[in-house]
Amino acid sequence: LKQTQLDIEMLDYHKCELE
């Protein structure tokens, strides 16, 4: 579960950077 959360956080981070 923690691993998935980390993935989501990373995705969110990249999304923020892209925007």
N, C-alpha and C. Protein backbone atom coordinates (compact mmCIF):
# COMPACT_ATOMS: atom_id res chain seq x y z
N LEU A 1 0.84 -1.21 0.00
CA LEU A 1 0.00 0.00 0.00
C LEU A 1 0.88 1.26 0.00
N LYS A 2 1.92 1.21 0.79
CA LYS A 2 2.80 2.39 0.84
C LYS A 2 3.44 2.63 -0.53
N GLN A 3 3.81 1.55 -1.18
CA GLN A 3 4.44 1.68 -2.49
C GLN A 3 3.50 2.39 -3.46
N THR A 4 2.23 2.00 -3.43
CA THR A 4 1.27 2.63 -4.34
C THR A 4 1.14 4.12 -4.02
N GLN A 5 1.12 4.44 -2.76
CA GLN A 5 0.99 5.85 -2.38
C GLN A 5 2.19 6.64 -2.92
N LEU A 6 3.36 6.04 -2.84
CA LEU A 6 4.56 6.72 -3.32
C LEU A 6 4.43 6.97 -4.82
N ASP A 7 3.94 5.97 -5.54
CA ASP A 7 3.75 6.11 -6.99
C ASP A 7 2.81 7.27 -7.29
N ILE A 8 1.72 7.33 -6.55
CA ILE A 8 0.74 8.40 -6.77
C ILE A 8 1.37 9.75 -6.48
N GLU A 9 2.13 9.83 -5.42
CA GLU A 9 2.78 11.10 -5.08
C GLU A 9 3.75 11.50 -6.18
N MET A 10 4.47 10.55 -6.69
CA MET A 10 5.43 10.85 -7.78
C MET A 10 4.67 11.34 -9.01
N LEU A 11 3.57 10.67 -9.33
CA LEU A 11 2.78 11.07 -10.49
C LEU A 11 2.26 12.49 -10.29
N ASP A 12 1.77 12.77 -9.11
CA ASP A 12 1.25 14.10 -8.82
C ASP A 12 2.37 15.13 -8.95
N TYR A 13 3.54 14.78 -8.50
CA TYR A 13 4.69 15.69 -8.57
C TYR A 13 5.02 16.02 -10.03
N HIS A 14 5.08 14.99 -10.85
CA HIS A 14 5.38 15.21 -12.27
C HIS A 14 4.29 16.04 -12.92
N LYS A 15 3.05 15.76 -12.55
CA LYS A 15 1.92 16.50 -13.13
C LYS A 15 2.07 17.99 -12.79
N CYS A 16 2.45 18.27 -11.58
CA CYS A 16 2.62 19.66 -11.15
C CYS A 16 3.77 20.30 -11.94
N GLU A 17 4.82 19.56 -12.14
CA GLU A 17 5.97 20.10 -12.87
C GLU A 17 5.60 20.37 -14.32
N LEU A 18 4.85 19.45 -14.92
CA LEU A 18 4.44 19.62 -16.31
C LEU A 18 3.59 20.88 -16.47
N GLU A 19 2.71 21.09 -15.54
CA GLU A 19 1.83 22.26 -15.62
C GLU A 19 2.63 23.49 -15.20
